[in-house]
Amino acid sequence: MKIPYGESNGEAGWGAKKQEGVGQVQGYLQLPAIAALPKLSAWLMLTDSERVEVLCVG
């Protein structure tokens, strides 16, 4: 699980932080040791001072 924290700077900042986090998790999923795990479930949790969003990435 990756948990990025973003400053409250509107929807554009939230979307950018979400895209960055998804990209990082997808990169981790490409690592051979991680890709070899057959039942792995990858999640991203984003938070700022007002909200939390959880996404299943892979």
PDB file of N, CA and C in Angstrom:
ATOM      1  N   MET A   1       0.858  -1.164   0.000  1.00  0.00           N
ATOM      2  CA  MET A   1       0.000   0.000   0.000  1.00  0.00           C
ATOM      3  C   MET A   1       0.903   1.225   0.000  1.00  0.00           C
ATOM      4  N   LYS A   2       0.617   2.135  -0.860  1.00  0.00           N
ATOM      5  CA  LYS A   2       1.349   3.401  -0.935  1.00  0.00           C
ATOM      6  C   LYS A   2       0.407   4.480  -0.433  1.00  0.00           C
ATOM      7  N   ILE A   3       0.884   5.373   0.425  1.00  0.00           N
ATOM      8  CA  ILE A   3       0.035   6.414   0.999  1.00  0.00           C
ATOM      9  C   ILE A   3       0.657   7.783   0.757  1.00  0.00           C
ATOM     10  N   PRO A   4       0.346   8.427  -0.379  1.00  0.00           N
ATOM     11  CA  PRO A   4       0.843   9.782  -0.593  1.00  0.00           C
ATOM     12  C   PRO A   4      -0.013  10.797   0.169  1.00  0.00           C
ATOM     13  N   TYR A   5       0.632  11.834   0.651  1.00  0.00           N
ATOM     14  CA  TYR A   5      -0.077  12.935   1.295  1.00  0.00           C
ATOM     15  C   TYR A   5       0.084  14.149   0.407  1.00  0.00           C
ATOM     16  N   GLY A   6      -1.022  14.810   0.127  1.00  0.00           N
ATOM     17  CA  GLY A   6      -0.965  16.007  -0.705  1.00  0.00           C
ATOM     18  C   GLY A   6      -1.541  17.199   0.021  1.00  0.00           C
ATOM     19  N   GLU A   7      -1.004  18.351  -0.242  1.00  0.00           N
ATOM     20  CA  GLU A   7      -1.559  19.583   0.310  1.00  0.00           C
ATOM     21  C   GLU A   7      -2.923  19.824  -0.329  1.00  0.00           C
ATOM     22  N   SER A   8      -3.787  20.510   0.359  1.00  0.00           N
ATOM     23  CA  SER A   8      -5.101  20.842  -0.190  1.00  0.00           C
ATOM     24  C   SER A   8      -4.938  21.953  -1.218  1.00  0.00           C
ATOM     25  N   ASN A   9      -4.820  21.587  -2.490  1.00  0.00           N
ATOM     26  CA  ASN A   9      -4.663  22.606  -3.531  1.00  0.00           C
ATOM     27  C   ASN A   9      -5.618  22.346  -4.685  1.00  0.00           C
ATOM     28  N   GLY A  10      -6.813  21.879  -4.372  1.00  0.00           N
ATOM     29  CA  GLY A  10      -7.848  21.740  -5.383  1.00  0.00           C
ATOM     30  C   GLY A  10      -7.821  20.415  -6.117  1.00  0.00           C
ATOM     31  N   GLU A  11      -8.801  20.281  -6.992  1.00  0.00           N
ATOM     32  CA  GLU A  11      -8.966  19.041  -7.744  1.00  0.00           C
ATOM     33  C   GLU A  11      -7.797  18.757  -8.683  1.00  0.00           C
ATOM     34  N   ALA A  12      -7.209  19.776  -9.275  1.00  0.00           N
ATOM     35  CA  ALA A  12      -6.079  19.555 -10.184  1.00  0.00           C
ATOM     36  C   ALA A  12      -4.907  18.932  -9.429  1.00  0.00           C
ATOM     37  N   GLY A  13      -4.619  19.441  -8.247  1.00  0.00           N
ATOM     38  CA  GLY A  13      -3.535  18.892  -7.437  1.00  0.00           C
ATOM     39  C   GLY A  13      -3.838  17.481  -6.968  1.00  0.00           C
ATOM     40  N   TRP A  14      -5.096  17.248  -6.604  1.00  0.00           N
ATOM     41  CA  TRP A  14      -5.523  15.915  -6.170  1.00  0.00           C
ATOM     42  C   TRP A  14      -5.366  14.922  -7.321  1.00  0.00           C
ATOM     43  N   GLY A  15      -5.816  15.304  -8.500  1.00  0.00           N
ATOM     44  CA  GLY A  15      -5.708  14.435  -9.673  1.00  0.00           C
ATOM     45  C   GLY A  15      -4.263  14.141 -10.033  1.00  0.00           C
ATOM     46  N   ALA A  16      -3.410  15.145  -9.933  1.00  0.00           N
ATOM     47  CA  ALA A  16      -1.992  14.955 -10.241  1.00  0.00           C
ATOM     48  C   ALA A  16      -1.348  14.010  -9.236  1.00  0.00           C
ATOM     49  N   LYS A  17      -1.664  14.180  -7.961  1.00  0.00           N
ATOM     50  CA  LYS A  17      -1.100  13.315  -6.923  1.00  0.00           C
ATOM     51  C   LYS A  17      -1.611  11.886  -7.095  1.00  0.00           C
ATOM     52  N   LYS A  18      -2.879  11.740  -7.469  1.00  0.00           N
ATOM     53  CA  LYS A  18      -3.447  10.414  -7.707  1.00  0.00           C
ATOM     54  C   LYS A  18      -2.739   9.732  -8.873  1.00  0.00           C
ATOM     55  N   GLN A  19      -2.553  10.455  -9.964  1.00  0.00           N
ATOM     56  CA  GLN A  19      -1.888   9.901 -11.146  1.00  0.00           C
ATOM     57  C   GLN A  19      -0.443   9.519 -10.822  1.00  0.00           C
ATOM     58  N   GLU A  20       0.237  10.357 -10.054  1.00  0.00           N
ATOM     59  CA  GLU A  20       1.613  10.064  -9.646  1.00  0.00           C
ATOM     60  C   GLU A  20       1.672   8.782  -8.812  1.00  0.00           C
ATOM     61  N   GLY A  21       0.764   8.657  -7.866  1.00  0.00           N
ATOM     62  CA  GLY A  21       0.735   7.469  -7.006  1.00  0.00           C
ATOM     63  C   GLY A  21       0.425   6.201  -7.778  1.00  0.00           C
ATOM     64  N   VAL A  22      -0.553   6.261  -8.681  1.00  0.00           N
ATOM     65  CA  VAL A  22      -0.899   5.099  -9.504  1.00  0.00           C
ATOM     66  C   VAL A  22       0.304   4.691 -10.349  1.00  0.00           C
ATOM     67  N   GLY A  23       0.987   5.658 -10.929  1.00  0.00           N
ATOM     68  CA  GLY A  23       2.171   5.367 -11.735  1.00  0.00           C
ATOM     69  C   GLY A  23       3.266   4.691 -10.925  1.00  0.00           C
ATOM     70  N   GLN A  24       3.473   5.159  -9.699  1.00  0.00           N
ATOM     71  CA  GLN A  24       4.493   4.554  -8.840  1.00  0.00           C
ATOM     72  C   GLN A  24       4.133   3.115  -8.495  1.00  0.00           C
ATOM     73  N   VAL A  25       2.878   2.881  -8.130  1.00  0.00           N
ATOM     74  CA  VAL A  25       2.457   1.523  -7.779  1.00  0.00           C
ATOM     75  C   VAL A  25       2.565   0.606  -8.993  1.00  0.00           C
ATOM     76  N   GLN A  26       2.155   1.085 -10.156  1.00  0.00           N
ATOM     77  CA  GLN A  26       2.274   0.271 -11.364  1.00  0.00           C
ATOM     78  C   GLN A  26       3.736  -0.045 -11.669  1.00  0.00           C
ATOM     79  N   GLY A  27       4.628   0.882 -11.388  1.00  0.00           N
ATOM     80  CA  GLY A  27       6.054   0.627 -11.549  1.00  0.00           C
ATOM     81  C   GLY A  27       6.542  -0.463 -10.605  1.00  0.00           C
ATOM     82  N   TYR A  28       6.095  -0.413  -9.347  1.00  0.00           N
ATOM     83  CA  TYR A  28       6.469  -1.451  -8.388  1.00  0.00           C
ATOM     84  C   TYR A  28       5.968  -2.817  -8.852  1.00  0.00           C
ATOM     85  N   LEU A  29       4.775  -2.846  -9.437  1.00  0.00           N
ATOM     86  CA  LEU A  29       4.191  -4.114  -9.886  1.00  0.00           C
ATOM     87  C   LEU A  29       4.975  -4.746 -11.032  1.00  0.00           C
ATOM     88  N   GLN A  30       5.815  -3.969 -11.693  1.00  0.00           N
ATOM     89  CA  GLN A  30       6.633  -4.488 -12.786  1.00  0.00           C
ATOM     90  C   GLN A  30       7.938  -5.121 -12.296  1.00  0.00           C
ATOM     91  N   LEU A  31       8.303  -4.893 -11.046  1.00  0.00           N
ATOM     92  CA  LEU A  31       9.524  -5.482 -10.501  1.00  0.00           C
ATOM     93  C   LEU A  31       9.378  -7.001 -10.468  1.00  0.00           C
ATOM     94  N   PRO A  32      10.402  -7.743 -10.916  1.00  0.00           N
ATOM     95  CA  PRO A  32      10.286  -9.201 -11.021  1.00  0.00           C
ATOM     96  C   PRO A  32       9.838  -9.890  -9.731  1.00  0.00           C
ATOM     97  N   ALA A  33      10.393  -9.493  -8.601  1.00  0.00           N
ATOM     98  CA  ALA A  33      10.035 -10.141  -7.339  1.00  0.00           C
ATOM     99  C   ALA A  33       8.568  -9.902  -6.983  1.00  0.00           C
ATOM    100  N   ILE A  34       8.052  -8.749  -7.342  1.00  0.00           N
ATOM    101  CA  ILE A  34       6.656  -8.435  -7.045  1.00  0.00           C
ATOM    102  C   ILE A  34       5.737  -9.057  -8.086  1.00  0.00           C
ATOM    103  N   ALA A  35       6.125  -8.999  -9.354  1.00  0.00           N
ATOM    104  CA  ALA A  35       5.319  -9.586 -10.422  1.00  0.00           C
ATOM    105  C   ALA A  35       5.170 -11.094 -10.242  1.00  0.00           C
ATOM    106  N   ALA A  36       6.096 -11.728  -9.538  1.00  0.00           N
ATOM    107  CA  ALA A  36       6.048 -13.175  -9.320  1.00  0.00           C
ATOM    108  C   ALA A  36       5.025 -13.585  -8.262  1.00  0.00           C
ATOM    109  N   LEU A  37       4.454 -12.640  -7.561  1.00  0.00           N
ATOM    110  CA  LEU A  37       3.460 -12.953  -6.526  1.00  0.00           C
ATOM    111  C   LEU A  37       2.085 -13.091  -7.183  1.00  0.00           C
ATOM    112  N   PRO A  38       1.556 -14.307  -7.285  1.00  0.00           N
ATOM    113  CA  PRO A  38       0.352 -14.537  -8.090  1.00  0.00           C
ATOM    114  C   PRO A  38      -0.930 -13.908  -7.545  1.00  0.00           C
ATOM    115  N   LYS A  39      -1.061 -13.779  -6.245  1.00  0.00           N
ATOM    116  CA  LYS A  39      -2.322 -13.281  -5.682  1.00  0.00           C
ATOM    117  C   LYS A  39      -2.171 -11.899  -5.054  1.00  0.00           C
ATOM    118  N   LEU A  40      -1.204 -11.152  -5.522  1.00  0.00           N
ATOM    119  CA  LEU A  40      -0.947  -9.827  -4.965  1.00  0.00           C
ATOM    120  C   LEU A  40      -2.073  -8.861  -5.318  1.00  0.00           C
ATOM    121  N   SER A  41      -2.488  -8.096  -4.349  1.00  0.00           N
ATOM    122  CA  SER A  41      -3.469  -7.036  -4.551  1.00  0.00           C
ATOM    123  C   SER A  41      -2.801  -5.726  -4.147  1.00  0.00           C
ATOM    124  N   ALA A  42      -2.699  -4.784  -5.066  1.00  0.00           N
ATOM    125  CA  ALA A  42      -2.016  -3.517  -4.801  1.00  0.00           C
ATOM    126  C   ALA A  42      -3.039  -2.395  -4.637  1.00  0.00           C
ATOM    127  N   TRP A  43      -2.832  -1.575  -3.631  1.00  0.00           N
ATOM    128  CA  TRP A  43      -3.756  -0.488  -3.301  1.00  0.00           C
ATOM    129  C   TRP A  43      -2.997   0.818  -3.150  1.00  0.00           C
ATOM    130  N   LEU A  44      -3.691   1.893  -3.445  1.00  0.00           N
ATOM    131  CA  LEU A  44      -3.159   3.238  -3.249  1.00  0.00           C
ATOM    132  C   LEU A  44      -4.139   3.993  -2.364  1.00  0.00           C
ATOM    133  N   MET A  45      -3.634   4.593  -1.302  1.00  0.00           N
ATOM    134  CA  MET A  45      -4.461   5.427  -0.434  1.00  0.00           C
ATOM    135  C   MET A  45      -3.925   6.849  -0.514  1.00  0.00           C
ATOM    136  N   LEU A  46      -4.779   7.784  -0.927  1.00  0.00           N
ATOM    137  CA  LEU A  46      -4.407   9.197  -0.996  1.00  0.00           C
ATOM    138  C   LEU A  46      -5.115   9.941   0.127  1.00  0.00           C
ATOM    139  N   THR A  47      -4.420  10.913   0.689  1.00  0.00           N
ATOM    140  CA  THR A  47      -5.036  11.701   1.744  1.00  0.00           C
ATOM    141  C   THR A  47      -4.493  13.129   1.728  1.00  0.00           C
ATOM    142  N   ASP A  48      -5.319  14.036   2.187  1.00  0.00           N
ATOM    143  CA  ASP A  48      -4.897  15.398   2.484  1.00  0.00           C
ATOM    144  C   ASP A  48      -5.543  15.753   3.816  1.00  0.00           C
ATOM    145  N   SER A  49      -5.630  16.973   4.165  1.00  0.00           N
ATOM    146  CA  SER A  49      -6.179  17.320   5.475  1.00  0.00           C
ATOM    147  C   SER A  49      -7.697  17.180   5.546  1.00  0.00           C
ATOM    148  N   GLU A  50      -8.361  16.889   4.404  1.00  0.00           N
ATOM    149  CA  GLU A  50      -9.820  16.853   4.389  1.00  0.00           C
ATOM    150  C   GLU A  50     -10.439  15.552   3.897  1.00  0.00           C
ATOM    151  N   ARG A  51      -9.719  14.741   3.158  1.00  0.00           N
ATOM    152  CA  ARG A  51     -10.340  13.557   2.558  1.00  0.00           C
ATOM    153  C   ARG A  51      -9.339  12.422   2.410  1.00  0.00           C
ATOM    154  N   VAL A  52      -9.895  11.245   2.169  1.00  0.00           N
ATOM    155  CA  VAL A  52      -9.112  10.038   1.927  1.00  0.00           C
ATOM    156  C   VAL A  52      -9.752   9.318   0.755  1.00  0.00           C
ATOM    157  N   GLU A  53      -8.935   8.803  -0.159  1.00  0.00           N
ATOM    158  CA  GLU A  53      -9.430   8.014  -1.282  1.00  0.00           C
ATOM    159  C   GLU A  53      -8.563   6.764  -1.386  1.00  0.00           C
ATOM    160  N   VAL A  54      -9.201   5.598  -1.551  1.00  0.00           N
ATOM    161  CA  VAL A  54      -8.497   4.328  -1.668  1.00  0.00           C
ATOM    162  C   VAL A  54      -8.824   3.729  -3.024  1.00  0.00           C
ATOM    163  N   LEU A  55      -7.778   3.330  -3.764  1.00  0.00           N
ATOM    164  CA  LEU A  55      -7.945   2.759  -5.103  1.00  0.00           C
ATOM    165  C   LEU A  55      -7.248   1.412  -5.180  1.00  0.00           C
ATOM    166  N   CYS A  56      -7.890   0.441  -5.807  1.00  0.00           N
ATOM    167  CA  CYS A  56      -7.231  -0.819  -6.125  1.00  0.00           C
ATOM    168  C   CYS A  56      -6.492  -0.603  -7.441  1.00  0.00           C
ATOM    169  N   VAL A  57      -5.179  -0.799  -7.434  1.00  0.00           N
ATOM    170  CA  VAL A  57      -4.362  -0.520  -8.614  1.00  0.00           C
ATOM    171  C   VAL A  57      -4.071  -1.796  -9.387  1.00  0.00           C
ATOM    172  N   GLY A  58      -3.910  -2.904  -8.728  1.00  0.00           N
ATOM    173  CA  GLY A  58      -3.613  -4.122  -9.459  1.00  0.00           C
ATOM    174  C   GLY A  58      -3.864  -5.356  -8.663  1.00  0.00           C
TER     175      GLY A  58
END
